Amino acid sequence: MTRITLQRVKYLPRKLAPGVLYVSEEFAVAGHLCACGCGSKVITPLGPAEWEFTERNGRPTLSPSIGNWQLPCRSHYVIGEGQIHWGDRWSDLQIAAGRRAEAQRRQAHYASRERRSLWQRFWIWVRKLIRS
């Protein structure tokens, strides 16, 4: 597979179609079938400490890359503007290092949120309301 289309949904469907990235912004989650064709469901939580979803002219982008290390196929790719860009296969050591880096990014993100004052959190909330 080299392309993926976007379908915005409230809830992810039980049966996913190949080549479609389903995105529920309301529930901050995206899902698709593995781009390698193995048929496995790939669910990615969306958020500042997880994956970021953007769309340009109806073409979806998810970042960082999708590393299906727990699946038998162990596929690795990036979804960028509706295109599948295949990455290198990672060794077990690279996977472990990547997981540690993810955990550190999450920990740093949540630690920085805890340091925000009540006033800063209020203004962040107001800005989100205005953008909605």
Protein backbone atom coordinates (compact mmCIF):
# COMPACT_ATOMS: atom_id res chain seq x y z
CA MET A 1 0.00 0.00 0.00
CA THR A 2 1.32 3.43 -0.86
CA ARG A 3 -1.68 5.71 -0.18
CA ILE A 4 -4.21 6.18 2.60
CA THR A 5 -7.39 8.25 2.61
CA LEU A 6 -9.02 10.06 5.50
CA GLN A 7 -12.40 9.35 6.99
CA ARG A 8 -13.52 11.42 9.97
CA VAL A 9 -15.79 9.51 12.33
CA LYS A 10 -17.25 9.85 15.79
CA TYR A 11 -16.52 6.20 16.64
CA LEU A 12 -14.02 3.89 14.96
CA PRO A 13 -15.92 1.20 13.02
CA ARG A 14 -15.58 -2.42 14.10
CA LYS A 15 -14.53 -3.41 10.60
CA LEU A 16 -11.83 -1.20 9.09
CA ALA A 17 -11.34 -0.92 5.34
CA PRO A 18 -7.82 -1.16 3.89
CA GLY A 19 -6.29 2.15 2.85
CA VAL A 20 -8.46 4.28 5.15
CA LEU A 21 -7.33 6.23 8.20
CA TYR A 22 -10.31 6.70 10.50
CA VAL A 23 -9.98 9.66 12.85
CA SER A 24 -12.21 10.50 15.81
CA GLU A 25 -11.06 13.88 17.05
CA GLU A 26 -13.84 13.83 19.64
CA PHE A 27 -12.29 10.76 21.28
CA ALA A 28 -8.69 11.60 20.27
CA VAL A 29 -7.98 8.35 18.46
CA ALA A 30 -7.11 7.17 14.96
CA GLY A 31 -7.26 3.69 13.53
CA HIS A 32 -6.36 1.90 10.32
CA LEU A 33 -5.36 -1.50 9.02
CA CYS A 34 -1.62 -2.07 8.93
CA ALA A 35 -0.18 -0.66 5.72
CA CYS A 36 1.74 -3.89 5.02
CA GLY A 37 -1.52 -5.69 4.25
CA CYS A 38 -1.37 -8.17 7.15
CA GLY A 39 -4.87 -7.10 8.24
CA SER A 40 -3.96 -6.12 11.80
CA LYS A 41 -5.74 -3.13 13.34
CA VAL A 42 -3.48 -0.25 14.32
CA ILE A 43 -4.96 2.12 16.89
CA THR A 44 -3.10 5.33 17.72
CA PRO A 45 -4.10 7.68 20.54
CA LEU A 46 -3.92 11.35 19.55
CA GLY A 47 -2.57 14.04 21.83
CA PRO A 48 0.44 16.12 22.75
CA ALA A 49 2.20 13.15 24.36
CA GLU A 50 1.08 10.63 21.72
CA TRP A 51 0.54 10.93 17.94
CA GLU A 52 -0.26 14.17 16.19
CA PHE A 53 -2.88 14.20 13.44
CA THR A 54 -3.00 16.90 10.79
CA GLU A 55 -4.81 17.16 7.51
CA ARG A 56 -4.01 19.14 4.40
CA ASN A 57 -6.42 19.23 1.47
CA GLY A 58 -8.09 16.06 2.75
CA ARG A 59 -4.79 14.19 3.02
CA PRO A 60 -3.92 12.85 6.50
CA THR A 61 -0.60 12.97 8.32
CA LEU A 62 0.21 11.08 11.53
CA SER A 63 3.43 11.66 13.37
CA PRO A 64 5.65 10.26 14.68
CA SER A 65 6.05 7.06 12.66
CA ILE A 66 3.97 3.94 13.14
CA GLY A 67 6.11 1.11 14.49
CA ASN A 68 4.11 -2.11 14.73
CA TRP A 69 6.72 -3.81 16.88
CA GLN A 70 4.20 -6.01 18.70
CA LEU A 71 2.74 -7.39 15.46
CA PRO A 72 4.26 -10.33 13.56
CA CYS A 73 4.92 -8.09 10.52
CA ARG A 74 6.87 -5.50 12.60
CA SER A 75 6.19 -2.94 9.89
CA HIS A 76 7.43 0.63 10.24
CA TYR A 77 6.07 3.58 8.26
CA VAL A 78 5.02 7.21 8.31
CA ILE A 79 1.67 8.48 7.07
CA GLY A 80 2.43 11.83 5.43
CA GLU A 81 -0.15 13.78 3.41
CA GLY A 82 -1.97 10.60 2.42
CA GLN A 83 1.20 8.75 1.42
CA ILE A 84 2.75 5.74 3.14
CA HIS A 85 6.50 6.22 3.53
CA TRP A 86 8.19 3.00 4.57
CA GLY A 87 10.85 3.10 7.27
CA ASP A 88 13.71 0.77 8.06
CA ARG A 89 13.13 -2.36 10.10
CA TRP A 90 14.28 -1.84 13.67
CA SER A 91 16.27 -4.27 15.79
CA ASP A 92 15.11 -5.24 19.26
CA LEU A 93 17.66 -2.78 20.70
CA GLN A 94 16.32 0.07 18.56
CA ILE A 95 12.75 -0.76 19.58
CA ALA A 96 13.69 -0.74 23.27
CA ALA A 97 15.50 2.60 22.88
CA GLY A 98 12.51 4.05 21.01
CA ARG A 99 10.13 2.96 23.77
CA ARG A 100 12.37 4.53 26.42
CA ALA A 101 12.46 7.79 24.44
CA GLU A 102 8.64 7.77 24.14
CA ALA A 103 8.29 7.24 27.89
CA GLN A 104 10.70 10.11 28.57
CA ARG A 105 8.77 12.45 26.22
CA ARG A 106 5.49 11.56 27.95
CA GLN A 107 7.00 12.06 31.38
CA ALA A 108 8.46 15.45 30.38
CA HIS A 109 5.15 16.54 28.85
CA TYR A 110 3.11 15.73 31.95
CA ALA A 111 5.74 17.18 34.29
CA SER A 112 5.63 20.48 32.37
CA ARG A 113 1.83 20.54 32.67
CA GLU A 114 2.06 20.14 36.44
CA ARG A 115 4.35 23.17 36.67
CA ARG A 116 1.81 25.46 34.99
CA SER A 117 0.03 27.87 37.27
CA LEU A 118 -3.73 27.89 37.62
CA TRP A 119 -3.79 31.14 35.62
CA GLN A 120 -1.80 29.59 32.73
CA ARG A 121 -4.09 26.55 32.63
CA PHE A 122 -7.14 28.84 32.58
CA TRP A 123 -5.83 30.79 29.55
CA ILE A 124 -4.97 27.56 27.71
CA TRP A 125 -8.54 26.39 28.31
CA VAL A 126 -9.96 29.73 27.06
CA ARG A 127 -7.83 29.57 23.88
CA LYS A 128 -9.07 26.03 23.17
CA LEU A 129 -12.67 27.20 23.54
CA ILE A 130 -12.09 30.08 21.15
CA ARG A 131 -10.55 27.78 18.51
CA SER A 132 -13.47 25.32 18.70
